[in-house]
Amino acid sequence: MIRIEYNDPNLTLRDRPTNWGGGVKLYNGVPFTGIIFYKSPNSNQLLNESEYKEGILEGRQVEYWENGNLKEEYFQKYDYNIRSFKRWNEQGELISHQVFDENGNYVETII
């Protein structure tokens, strides 16, 4: 899967709204499929990874604490969460875990 940095000059946003109101990420003018990542400008630590399909957020979305530990992990399609949403504290302890169905409906809270 292709990975590009968030500030790549070839990455743009087509502001024309989609059916749900969001824009579409383009890479060299083409809807982007792959992972866009962002690193801290101070430490070069990976802070975020977002999966896109045809320019739309779809798949695994991850945020990291500055120390490299996971902060959040969830799966997204369009503008809603699917499957699970997990959150960790800075020490790496899982503090929240919610489950959603494939249509974004809340199912249960595990933690």
PDB file of N, CA and C in Angstrom:
ATOM      1  N   MET A   1       0.851  -1.171   0.000  1.00  0.00           N
ATOM      2  CA  MET A   1       0.000   0.000   0.000  1.00  0.00           C
ATOM      3  C   MET A   1       0.900   1.239   0.000  1.00  0.00           C
ATOM      4  N   ILE A   2       0.572   2.211  -0.816  1.00  0.00           N
ATOM      5  CA  ILE A   2       1.355   3.436  -0.910  1.00  0.00           C
ATOM      6  C   ILE A   2       1.187   4.275   0.357  1.00  0.00           C
ATOM      7  N   ARG A   3       2.276   4.875   0.801  1.00  0.00           N
ATOM      8  CA  ARG A   3       2.271   5.740   1.988  1.00  0.00           C
ATOM      9  C   ARG A   3       2.864   7.085   1.593  1.00  0.00           C
ATOM     10  N   ILE A   4       2.165   8.158   1.918  1.00  0.00           N
ATOM     11  CA  ILE A   4       2.703   9.488   1.649  1.00  0.00           C
ATOM     12  C   ILE A   4       2.556  10.360   2.885  1.00  0.00           C
ATOM     13  N   GLU A   5       3.448  11.329   2.994  1.00  0.00           N
ATOM     14  CA  GLU A   5       3.423  12.237   4.129  1.00  0.00           C
ATOM     15  C   GLU A   5       2.352  13.311   3.925  1.00  0.00           C
ATOM     16  N   TYR A   6       1.735  13.708   5.017  1.00  0.00           N
ATOM     17  CA  TYR A   6       0.634  14.663   5.024  1.00  0.00           C
ATOM     18  C   TYR A   6       0.967  15.959   4.284  1.00  0.00           C
ATOM     19  N   ASN A   7       2.205  16.416   4.405  1.00  0.00           N
ATOM     20  CA  ASN A   7       2.566  17.701   3.792  1.00  0.00           C
ATOM     21  C   ASN A   7       3.183  17.553   2.394  1.00  0.00           C
ATOM     22  N   ASP A   8       3.010  16.398   1.759  1.00  0.00           N
ATOM     23  CA  ASP A   8       3.483  16.205   0.385  1.00  0.00           C
ATOM     24  C   ASP A   8       2.785  17.227  -0.517  1.00  0.00           C
ATOM     25  N   PRO A   9       3.544  17.996  -1.290  1.00  0.00           N
ATOM     26  CA  PRO A   9       2.929  19.040  -2.125  1.00  0.00           C
ATOM     27  C   PRO A   9       2.000  18.501  -3.218  1.00  0.00           C
ATOM     28  N   ASN A  10       2.083  17.218  -3.522  1.00  0.00           N
ATOM     29  CA  ASN A  10       1.211  16.623  -4.535  1.00  0.00           C
ATOM     30  C   ASN A  10      -0.133  16.169  -3.976  1.00  0.00           C
ATOM     31  N   LEU A  11      -0.306  16.317  -2.654  1.00  0.00           N
ATOM     32  CA  LEU A  11      -1.552  15.934  -1.986  1.00  0.00           C
ATOM     33  C   LEU A  11      -2.434  17.167  -1.857  1.00  0.00           C
ATOM     34  N   THR A  12      -3.640  17.084  -2.388  1.00  0.00           N
ATOM     35  CA  THR A  12      -4.578  18.202  -2.316  1.00  0.00           C
ATOM     36  C   THR A  12      -5.947  17.692  -1.872  1.00  0.00           C
ATOM     37  N   LEU A  13      -6.833  18.639  -1.597  1.00  0.00           N
ATOM     38  CA  LEU A  13      -8.193  18.298  -1.196  1.00  0.00           C
ATOM     39  C   LEU A  13      -9.153  18.923  -2.192  1.00  0.00           C
ATOM     40  N   ARG A  14      -9.980  18.094  -2.787  1.00  0.00           N
ATOM     41  CA  ARG A  14     -11.042  18.618  -3.647  1.00  0.00           C
ATOM     42  C   ARG A  14     -12.201  18.950  -2.727  1.00  0.00           C
ATOM     43  N   ASP A  15     -12.481  20.230  -2.621  1.00  0.00           N
ATOM     44  CA  ASP A  15     -13.501  20.697  -1.679  1.00  0.00           C
ATOM     45  C   ASP A  15     -14.927  20.415  -2.115  1.00  0.00           C
ATOM     46  N   ARG A  16     -15.105  20.031  -3.356  1.00  0.00           N
ATOM     47  CA  ARG A  16     -16.458  19.759  -3.808  1.00  0.00           C
ATOM     48  C   ARG A  16     -17.050  18.663  -2.921  1.00  0.00           C
ATOM     49  N   PRO A  17     -18.145  18.947  -2.271  1.00  0.00           N
ATOM     50  CA  PRO A  17     -18.698  17.970  -1.312  1.00  0.00           C
ATOM     51  C   PRO A  17     -19.095  16.653  -1.957  1.00  0.00           C
ATOM     52  N   THR A  18     -18.982  15.619  -1.168  1.00  0.00           N
ATOM     53  CA  THR A  18     -19.443  14.294  -1.561  1.00  0.00           C
ATOM     54  C   THR A  18     -20.862  14.113  -1.031  1.00  0.00           C
ATOM     55  N   ASN A  19     -21.403  12.932  -1.161  1.00  0.00           N
ATOM     56  CA  ASN A  19     -22.773  12.669  -0.693  1.00  0.00           C
ATOM     57  C   ASN A  19     -22.949  12.928   0.799  1.00  0.00           C
ATOM     58  N   TRP A  20     -21.910  12.753   1.592  1.00  0.00           N
ATOM     59  CA  TRP A  20     -22.015  12.929   3.046  1.00  0.00           C
ATOM     60  C   TRP A  20     -21.396  14.237   3.504  1.00  0.00           C
ATOM     61  N   GLY A  21     -20.887  15.085   2.589  1.00  0.00           N
ATOM     62  CA  GLY A  21     -20.430  16.422   2.958  1.00  0.00           C
ATOM     63  C   GLY A  21     -18.937  16.612   3.036  1.00  0.00           C
ATOM     64  N   GLY A  22     -18.133  15.566   2.961  1.00  0.00           N
ATOM     65  CA  GLY A  22     -16.682  15.713   3.044  1.00  0.00           C
ATOM     66  C   GLY A  22     -16.054  15.902   1.680  1.00  0.00           C
ATOM     67  N   GLY A  23     -14.792  16.321   1.672  1.00  0.00           N
ATOM     68  CA  GLY A  23     -14.053  16.457   0.429  1.00  0.00           C
ATOM     69  C   GLY A  23     -13.341  15.157   0.067  1.00  0.00           C
ATOM     70  N   VAL A  24     -12.574  15.196  -1.029  1.00  0.00           N
ATOM     71  CA  VAL A  24     -11.860  14.025  -1.517  1.00  0.00           C
ATOM     72  C   VAL A  24     -10.374  14.358  -1.603  1.00  0.00           C
ATOM     73  N   LYS A  25      -9.507  13.521  -1.007  1.00  0.00           N
ATOM     74  CA  LYS A  25      -8.051  13.698  -1.083  1.00  0.00           C
ATOM     75  C   LYS A  25      -7.566  13.244  -2.454  1.00  0.00           C
ATOM     76  N   LEU A  26      -6.770  14.094  -3.082  1.00  0.00           N
ATOM     77  CA  LEU A  26      -6.199  13.793  -4.392  1.00  0.00           C
ATOM     78  C   LEU A  26      -4.684  13.747  -4.280  1.00  0.00           C
ATOM     79  N   TYR A  27      -4.074  12.841  -5.003  1.00  0.00           N
ATOM     80  CA  TYR A  27      -2.618  12.779  -5.102  1.00  0.00           C
ATOM     81  C   TYR A  27      -2.279  12.865  -6.583  1.00  0.00           C
ATOM     82  N   ASN A  28      -1.565  13.917  -6.939  1.00  0.00           N
ATOM     83  CA  ASN A  28      -1.299  14.213  -8.360  1.00  0.00           C
ATOM     84  C   ASN A  28      -2.595  14.294  -9.156  1.00  0.00           C
ATOM     85  N   GLY A  29      -3.642  14.866  -8.533  1.00  0.00           N
ATOM     86  CA  GLY A  29      -4.910  15.080  -9.209  1.00  0.00           C
ATOM     87  C   GLY A  29      -5.830  13.886  -9.290  1.00  0.00           C
ATOM     88  N   VAL A  30      -5.435  12.752  -8.704  1.00  0.00           N
ATOM     89  CA  VAL A  30      -6.223  11.520  -8.764  1.00  0.00           C
ATOM     90  C   VAL A  30      -6.665  11.142  -7.347  1.00  0.00           C
ATOM     91  N   PRO A  31      -7.921  10.709  -7.159  1.00  0.00           N
ATOM     92  CA  PRO A  31      -8.342  10.280  -5.815  1.00  0.00           C
ATOM     93  C   PRO A  31      -7.354   9.271  -5.230  1.00  0.00           C
ATOM     94  N   PHE A  32      -6.921   9.546  -4.001  1.00  0.00           N
ATOM     95  CA  PHE A  32      -5.838   8.802  -3.369  1.00  0.00           C
ATOM     96  C   PHE A  32      -6.330   7.538  -2.681  1.00  0.00           C
ATOM     97  N   THR A  33      -5.623   6.427  -2.907  1.00  0.00           N
ATOM     98  CA  THR A  33      -5.832   5.185  -2.174  1.00  0.00           C
ATOM     99  C   THR A  33      -4.507   4.805  -1.534  1.00  0.00           C
ATOM    100  N   GLY A  34      -4.499   4.692  -0.211  1.00  0.00           N
ATOM    101  CA  GLY A  34      -3.287   4.361   0.524  1.00  0.00           C
ATOM    102  C   GLY A  34      -3.332   4.976   1.909  1.00  0.00           C
ATOM    103  N   ILE A  35      -2.147   5.213   2.476  1.00  0.00           N
ATOM    104  CA  ILE A  35      -2.038   5.745   3.835  1.00  0.00           C
ATOM    105  C   ILE A  35      -1.378   7.112   3.797  1.00  0.00           C
ATOM    106  N   ILE A  36      -1.985   8.065   4.491  1.00  0.00           N
ATOM    107  CA  ILE A  36      -1.389   9.375   4.693  1.00  0.00           C
ATOM    108  C   ILE A  36      -0.921   9.414   6.137  1.00  0.00           C
ATOM    109  N   PHE A  37       0.347   9.798   6.345  1.00  0.00           N
ATOM    110  CA  PHE A  37       0.879   9.826   7.707  1.00  0.00           C
ATOM    111  C   PHE A  37       1.411  11.209   8.043  1.00  0.00           C
ATOM    112  N   TYR A  38       1.473  11.475   9.338  1.00  0.00           N
ATOM    113  CA  TYR A  38       1.952  12.762   9.839  1.00  0.00           C
ATOM    114  C   TYR A  38       2.945  12.508  10.962  1.00  0.00           C
ATOM    115  N   LYS A  39       4.099  13.193  10.891  1.00  0.00           N
ATOM    116  CA  LYS A  39       5.115  13.087  11.943  1.00  0.00           C
ATOM    117  C   LYS A  39       5.254  14.414  12.666  1.00  0.00           C
ATOM    118  N   SER A  40       5.636  14.359  13.944  1.00  0.00           N
ATOM    119  CA  SER A  40       5.868  15.556  14.727  1.00  0.00           C
ATOM    120  C   SER A  40       7.025  16.351  14.121  1.00  0.00           C
ATOM    121  N   PRO A  41       6.829  17.645  13.899  1.00  0.00           N
ATOM    122  CA  PRO A  41       7.922  18.451  13.344  1.00  0.00           C
ATOM    123  C   PRO A  41       9.090  18.597  14.323  1.00  0.00           C
ATOM    124  N   ASN A  42       8.834  18.402  15.605  1.00  0.00           N
ATOM    125  CA  ASN A  42       9.883  18.560  16.620  1.00  0.00           C
ATOM    126  C   ASN A  42      10.728  17.307  16.805  1.00  0.00           C
ATOM    127  N   SER A  43      10.075  16.136  16.783  1.00  0.00           N
ATOM    128  CA  SER A  43      10.789  14.905  17.118  1.00  0.00           C
ATOM    129  C   SER A  43      10.849  13.888  15.976  1.00  0.00           C
ATOM    130  N   ASN A  44      10.123  14.147  14.895  1.00  0.00           N
ATOM    131  CA  ASN A  44      10.022  13.214  13.778  1.00  0.00           C
ATOM    132  C   ASN A  44       9.293  11.921  14.171  1.00  0.00           C
ATOM    133  N   GLN A  45       8.631  11.927  15.345  1.00  0.00           N
ATOM    134  CA  GLN A  45       7.846  10.785  15.823  1.00  0.00           C
ATOM    135  C   GLN A  45       6.544  10.688  15.018  1.00  0.00           C
ATOM    136  N   LEU A  46       6.192   9.496  14.573  1.00  0.00           N
ATOM    137  CA  LEU A  46       4.935   9.264  13.879  1.00  0.00           C
ATOM    138  C   LEU A  46       3.777   9.571  14.835  1.00  0.00           C
ATOM    139  N   LEU A  47       2.849  10.450  14.404  1.00  0.00           N
ATOM    140  CA  LEU A  47       1.722  10.834  15.250  1.00  0.00           C
ATOM    141  C   LEU A  47       0.374  10.361  14.717  1.00  0.00           C
ATOM    142  N   ASN A  48       0.290  10.125  13.399  1.00  0.00           N
ATOM    143  CA  ASN A  48      -0.999   9.793  12.812  1.00  0.00           C
ATOM    144  C   ASN A  48      -0.809   9.014  11.515  1.00  0.00           C
ATOM    145  N   GLU A  49      -1.697   8.038  11.295  1.00  0.00           N
ATOM    146  CA  GLU A  49      -1.783   7.313  10.033  1.00  0.00           C
ATOM    147  C   GLU A  49      -3.261   7.160   9.693  1.00  0.00           C
ATOM    148  N   SER A  50      -3.623   7.519   8.458  1.00  0.00           N
ATOM    149  CA  SER A  50      -5.017   7.437   8.024  1.00  0.00           C
ATOM    150  C   SER A  50      -5.098   6.718   6.693  1.00  0.00           C
ATOM    151  N   GLU A  51      -5.980   5.725   6.611  1.00  0.00           N
ATOM    152  CA  GLU A  51      -6.185   4.993   5.366  1.00  0.00           C
ATOM    153  C   GLU A  51      -7.279   5.674   4.546  1.00  0.00           C
ATOM    154  N   TYR A  52      -7.018   5.743   3.240  1.00  0.00           N
ATOM    155  CA  TYR A  52      -7.966   6.319   2.289  1.00  0.00           C
ATOM    156  C   TYR A  52      -8.229   5.327   1.166  1.00  0.00           C
ATOM    157  N   LYS A  53      -9.445   5.376   0.651  1.00  0.00           N
ATOM    158  CA  LYS A  53      -9.800   4.588  -0.524  1.00  0.00           C
ATOM    159  C   LYS A  53     -10.498   5.531  -1.498  1.00  0.00           C
ATOM    160  N   GLU A  54      -9.899   5.697  -2.666  1.00  0.00           N
ATOM    161  CA  GLU A  54     -10.425   6.590  -3.690  1.00  0.00           C
ATOM    162  C   GLU A  54     -10.682   7.986  -3.132  1.00  0.00           C
ATOM    163  N   GLY A  55      -9.752   8.470  -2.286  1.00  0.00           N
ATOM    164  CA  GLY A  55      -9.812   9.825  -1.763  1.00  0.00           C
ATOM    165  C   GLY A  55     -10.650  10.023  -0.524  1.00  0.00           C
ATOM    166  N   ILE A  56     -11.245   8.951  -0.023  1.00  0.00           N
ATOM    167  CA  ILE A  56     -12.167   9.041   1.105  1.00  0.00           C
ATOM    168  C   ILE A  56     -11.615   8.248   2.278  1.00  0.00           C
ATOM    169  N   LEU A  57     -11.726   8.812   3.488  1.00  0.00           N
ATOM    170  CA  LEU A  57     -11.299   8.075   4.677  1.00  0.00           C
ATOM    171  C   LEU A  57     -12.032   6.752   4.739  1.00  0.00           C
ATOM    172  N   GLU A  58     -11.257   5.672   4.716  1.00  0.00           N
ATOM    173  CA  GLU A  58     -11.862   4.349   4.834  1.00  0.00           C
ATOM    174  C   GLU A  58     -10.793   3.372   5.287  1.00  0.00           C
ATOM    175  N   GLY A  59     -11.032   2.745   6.427  1.00  0.00           N
ATOM    176  CA  GLY A  59     -10.078   1.778   6.962  1.00  0.00           C
ATOM    177  C   GLY A  59      -9.529   2.218   8.301  1.00  0.00           C
ATOM    178  N   ARG A  60      -8.360   1.725   8.603  1.00  0.00           N
ATOM    179  CA  ARG A  60      -7.733   1.933   9.915  1.00  0.00           C
ATOM    180  C   ARG A  60      -7.212   3.367  10.059  1.00  0.00           C
ATOM    181  N   GLN A  61      -7.571   3.987  11.175  1.00  0.00           N
ATOM    182  CA  GLN A  61      -7.106   5.323  11.530  1.00  0.00           C
ATOM    183  C   GLN A  61      -6.384   5.188  12.876  1.00  0.00           C
ATOM    184  N   VAL A  62      -5.158   5.728  12.950  1.00  0.00           N
ATOM    185  CA  VAL A  62      -4.351   5.539  14.159  1.00  0.00           C
ATOM    186  C   VAL A  62      -3.711   6.856  14.573  1.00  0.00           C
ATOM    187  N   GLU A  63      -3.736   7.132  15.880  1.00  0.00           N
ATOM    188  CA  GLU A  63      -3.003   8.261  16.454  1.00  0.00           C
ATOM    189  C   GLU A  63      -2.049   7.722  17.507  1.00  0.00           C
ATOM    190  N   TYR A  64      -0.897   8.380  17.635  1.00  0.00           N
ATOM    191  CA  TYR A  64       0.127   7.976  18.589  1.00  0.00           C
ATOM    192  C   TYR A  64       0.443   9.131  19.524  1.00  0.00           C
ATOM    193  N   TRP A  65       0.822   8.784  20.756  1.00  0.00           N
ATOM    194  CA  TRP A  65       1.351   9.763  21.693  1.00  0.00           C
ATOM    195  C   TRP A  65       2.774  10.132  21.237  1.00  0.00           C
ATOM    196  N   GLU A  66       3.287  11.240  21.708  1.00  0.00           N
ATOM    197  CA  GLU A  66       4.658  11.667  21.381  1.00  0.00           C
ATOM    198  C   GLU A  66       5.700  10.623  21.771  1.00  0.00           C
ATOM    199  N   ASN A  67       5.389   9.794  22.779  1.00  0.00           N
ATOM    200  CA  ASN A  67       6.349   8.769  23.205  1.00  0.00           C
ATOM    201  C   ASN A  67       6.287   7.513  22.326  1.00  0.00           C
ATOM    202  N   GLY A  68       5.424   7.515  21.307  1.00  0.00           N
ATOM    203  CA  GLY A  68       5.320   6.391  20.384  1.00  0.00           C
ATOM    204  C   GLY A  68       4.229   5.391  20.717  1.00  0.00           C
ATOM    205  N   ASN A  69       3.660   5.465  21.917  1.00  0.00           N
ATOM    206  CA  ASN A  69       2.572   4.558  22.289  1.00  0.00           C
ATOM    207  C   ASN A  69       1.299   4.896  21.515  1.00  0.00           C
ATOM    208  N   LEU A  70       0.477   3.873  21.282  1.00  0.00           N
ATOM    209  CA  LEU A  70      -0.818   4.099  20.655  1.00  0.00           C
ATOM    210  C   LEU A  70      -1.665   5.027  21.512  1.00  0.00           C
ATOM    211  N   LYS A  71      -2.395   5.923  20.857  1.00  0.00           N
ATOM    212  CA  LYS A  71      -3.330   6.815  21.538  1.00  0.00           C
ATOM    213  C   LYS A  71      -4.764   6.416  21.184  1.00  0.00           C
ATOM    214  N   GLU A  72      -5.041   6.277  19.882  1.00  0.00           N
ATOM    215  CA  GLU A  72      -6.354   5.844  19.415  1.00  0.00           C
ATOM    216  C   GLU A  72      -6.200   4.973  18.178  1.00  0.00           C
ATOM    217  N   GLU A  73      -7.109   4.011  18.058  1.00  0.00           N
ATOM    218  CA  GLU A  73      -7.198   3.204  16.848  1.00  0.00           C
ATOM    219  C   GLU A  73      -8.669   2.949  16.588  1.00  0.00           C
ATOM    220  N   TYR A  74      -9.086   3.274  15.381  1.00  0.00           N
ATOM    221  CA  TYR A  74     -10.474   3.024  15.006  1.00  0.00           C
ATOM    222  C   TYR A  74     -10.548   2.792  13.508  1.00  0.00           C
ATOM    223  N   PHE A  75     -11.679   2.282  13.085  1.00  0.00           N
ATOM    224  CA  PHE A  75     -11.910   1.993  11.685  1.00  0.00           C
ATOM    225  C   PHE A  75     -13.048   2.884  11.226  1.00  0.00           C
ATOM    226  N   GLN A  76     -12.840   3.516  10.086  1.00  0.00           N
ATOM    227  CA  GLN A  76     -13.793   4.513   9.623  1.00  0.00           C
ATOM    228  C   GLN A  76     -14.205   4.231   8.188  1.00  0.00           C
ATOM    229  N   LYS A  77     -15.447   4.563   7.896  1.00  0.00           N
ATOM    230  CA  LYS A  77     -15.956   4.530   6.526  1.00  0.00           C
ATOM    231  C   LYS A  77     -16.830   5.761   6.379  1.00  0.00           C
ATOM    232  N   TYR A  78     -16.510   6.575   5.392  1.00  0.00           N
ATOM    233  CA  TYR A  78     -17.149   7.873   5.224  1.00  0.00           C
ATOM    234  C   TYR A  78     -16.947   8.674   6.511  1.00  0.00           C
ATOM    235  N   ASP A  79     -18.016   9.048   7.177  1.00  0.00           N
ATOM    236  CA  ASP A  79     -17.842   9.852   8.392  1.00  0.00           C
ATOM    237  C   ASP A  79     -18.316   9.121   9.649  1.00  0.00           C
ATOM    238  N   TYR A  80     -18.318   7.778   9.634  1.00  0.00           N
ATOM    239  CA  TYR A  80     -18.731   7.054  10.841  1.00  0.00           C
ATOM    240  C   TYR A  80     -17.760   5.927  11.160  1.00  0.00           C
ATOM    241  N   ASN A  81     -17.742   5.572  12.441  1.00  0.00           N
ATOM    242  CA  ASN A  81     -16.880   4.499  12.925  1.00  0.00           C
ATOM    243  C   ASN A  81     -17.537   3.155  12.640  1.00  0.00           C
ATOM    244  N   ILE A  82     -16.694   2.189  12.258  1.00  0.00           N
ATOM    245  CA  ILE A  82     -17.167   0.819  12.094  1.00  0.00           C
ATOM    246  C   ILE A  82     -16.244  -0.093  12.896  1.00  0.00           C
ATOM    247  N   ARG A  83     -16.715  -1.243  13.254  1.00  0.00           N
ATOM    248  CA  ARG A  83     -15.972  -2.262  14.008  1.00  0.00           C
ATOM    249  C   ARG A  83     -15.635  -1.806  15.419  1.00  0.00           C
ATOM    250  N   SER A  84     -14.479  -1.124  15.601  1.00  0.00           N
ATOM    251  CA  SER A  84     -14.093  -0.785  16.981  1.00  0.00           C
ATOM    252  C   SER A  84     -13.426   0.579  17.062  1.00  0.00           C
ATOM    253  N   PHE A  85     -13.492   1.133  18.247  1.00  0.00           N
ATOM    254  CA  PHE A  85     -12.813   2.383  18.575  1.00  0.00           C
ATOM    255  C   PHE A  85     -12.120   2.140  19.914  1.00  0.00           C
ATOM    256  N   LYS A  86     -10.769   2.235  19.916  1.00  0.00           N
ATOM    257  CA  LYS A  86      -9.999   1.993  21.135  1.00  0.00           C
ATOM    258  C   LYS A  86      -9.165   3.220  21.474  1.00  0.00           C
ATOM    259  N   ARG A  87      -8.997   3.449  22.784  1.00  0.00           N
ATOM    260  CA  ARG A  87      -8.195   4.584  23.262  1.00  0.00           C
ATOM    261  C   ARG A  87      -7.281   4.090  24.383  1.00  0.00           C
ATOM    262  N   TRP A  88      -6.012   4.546  24.356  1.00  0.00           N
ATOM    263  CA  TRP A  88      -5.012   4.207  25.363  1.00  0.00           C
ATOM    264  C   TRP A  88      -4.524   5.468  26.052  1.00  0.00           C
ATOM    265  N   ASN A  89      -4.056   5.322  27.303  1.00  0.00           N
ATOM    266  CA  ASN A  89      -3.405   6.453  27.960  1.00  0.00           C
ATOM    267  C   ASN A  89      -1.935   6.496  27.523  1.00  0.00           C
ATOM    268  N   GLU A  90      -1.216   7.514  27.958  1.00  0.00           N
ATOM    269  CA  GLU A  90       0.172   7.694  27.526  1.00  0.00           C
ATOM    270  C   GLU A  90       1.088   6.554  27.931  1.00  0.00           C
ATOM    271  N   GLN A  91       0.722   5.828  28.993  1.00  0.00           N
ATOM    272  CA  GLN A  91       1.533   4.704  29.461  1.00  0.00           C
ATOM    273  C   GLN A  91       1.262   3.422  28.672  1.00  0.00           C
ATOM    274  N   GLY A  92       0.307   3.459  27.748  1.00  0.00           N
ATOM    275  CA  GLY A  92       0.030   2.298  26.912  1.00  0.00           C
ATOM    276  C   GLY A  92      -1.065   1.388  27.430  1.00  0.00           C
ATOM    277  N   GLU A  93      -1.827   1.839  28.442  1.00  0.00           N
ATOM    278  CA  GLU A  93      -2.921   1.031  28.984  1.00  0.00           C
ATOM    279  C   GLU A  93      -4.212   1.331  28.228  1.00  0.00           C
ATOM    280  N   LEU A  94      -4.903   0.288  27.784  1.00  0.00           N
ATOM    281  CA  LEU A  94      -6.180   0.449  27.103  1.00  0.00           C
ATOM    282  C   LEU A  94      -7.198   0.993  28.107  1.00  0.00           C
ATOM    283  N   ILE A  95      -7.804   2.147  27.794  1.00  0.00           N
ATOM    284  CA  ILE A  95      -8.739   2.777  28.730  1.00  0.00           C
ATOM    285  C   ILE A  95     -10.170   2.839  28.195  1.00  0.00           C
ATOM    286  N   SER A  96     -10.346   2.575  26.895  1.00  0.00           N
ATOM    287  CA  SER A  96     -11.688   2.610  26.324  1.00  0.00           C
ATOM    288  C   SER A  96     -11.731   1.716  25.091  1.00  0.00           C
ATOM    289  N   HIS A  97     -12.815   0.958  24.959  1.00  0.00           N
ATOM    290  CA  HIS A  97     -12.999   0.102  23.787  1.00  0.00           C
ATOM    291  C   HIS A  97     -14.487   0.013  23.504  1.00  0.00           C
ATOM    292  N   GLN A  98     -14.894   0.561  22.380  1.00  0.00           N
ATOM    293  CA  GLN A  98     -16.285   0.505  21.954  1.00  0.00           C
ATOM    294  C   GLN A  98     -16.377  -0.269  20.650  1.00  0.00           C
ATOM    295  N   VAL A  99     -17.506  -0.933  20.441  1.00  0.00           N
ATOM    296  CA  VAL A  99     -17.723  -1.734  19.244  1.00  0.00           C
ATOM    297  C   VAL A  99     -18.898  -1.159  18.464  1.00  0.00           C
ATOM    298  N   PHE A 100     -18.740  -1.118  17.127  1.00  0.00           N
ATOM    299  CA  PHE A 100     -19.767  -0.619  16.217  1.00  0.00           C
ATOM    300  C   PHE A 100     -19.992  -1.665  15.123  1.00  0.00           C
ATOM    301  N   ASP A 101     -21.174  -1.659  14.526  1.00  0.00           N
ATOM    302  CA  ASP A 101     -21.408  -2.560  13.403  1.00  0.00           C
ATOM    303  C   ASP A 101     -20.902  -1.910  12.113  1.00  0.00           C
ATOM    304  N   GLU A 102     -21.055  -2.590  10.991  1.00  0.00           N
ATOM    305  CA  GLU A 102     -20.534  -2.101   9.708  1.00  0.00           C
ATOM    306  C   GLU A 102     -21.287  -0.881   9.180  1.00  0.00           C
ATOM    307  N   ASN A 103     -22.408  -0.529   9.806  1.00  0.00           N
ATOM    308  CA  ASN A 103     -23.179   0.657   9.412  1.00  0.00           C
ATOM    309  C   ASN A 103     -22.939   1.819  10.371  1.00  0.00           C
ATOM    310  N   GLY A 104     -22.018   1.658  11.314  1.00  0.00           N
ATOM    311  CA  GLY A 104     -21.695   2.727  12.251  1.00  0.00           C
ATOM    312  C   GLY A 104     -22.581   2.792  13.473  1.00  0.00           C
ATOM    313  N   ASN A 105     -23.421   1.800  13.665  1.00  0.00           N
ATOM    314  CA  ASN A 105     -24.286   1.776  14.834  1.00  0.00           C
ATOM    315  C   ASN A 105     -23.526   1.222  16.046  1.00  0.00           C
ATOM    316  N   TYR A 106     -23.691   1.904  17.163  1.00  0.00           N
ATOM    317  CA  TYR A 106     -23.055   1.459  18.408  1.00  0.00           C
ATOM    318  C   TYR A 106     -23.606   0.089  18.803  1.00  0.00           C
ATOM    319  N   VAL A 107     -22.679  -0.813  19.199  1.00  0.00           N
ATOM    320  CA  VAL A 107     -23.067  -2.158  19.631  1.00  0.00           C
ATOM    321  C   VAL A 107     -22.876  -2.303  21.126  1.00  0.00           C
ATOM    322  N   GLU A 108     -21.634  -2.044  21.622  1.00  0.00           N
ATOM    323  CA  GLU A 108     -21.377  -2.207  23.042  1.00  0.00           C
ATOM    324  C   GLU A 108     -20.084  -1.504  23.442  1.00  0.00           C
ATOM    325  N   THR A 109     -19.963  -1.266  24.749  1.00  0.00           N
ATOM    326  CA  THR A 109     -18.727  -0.772  25.343  1.00  0.00           C
ATOM    327  C   THR A 109     -18.092  -1.929  26.106  1.00  0.00           C
ATOM    328  N   ILE A 110     -16.856  -2.244  25.764  1.00  0.00           N
ATOM    329  CA  ILE A 110     -16.146  -3.332  26.450  1.00  0.00           C
ATOM    330  C   ILE A 110     -15.404  -2.783  27.660  1.00  0.00           C
ATOM    331  N   ILE A 111     -14.782  -1.630  27.491  1.00  0.00           N
ATOM    332  CA  ILE A 111     -14.113  -0.951  28.611  1.00  0.00           C
ATOM    333  C   ILE A 111     -14.630   0.470  28.648  1.00  0.00           C
TER     334      ILE A 111
END
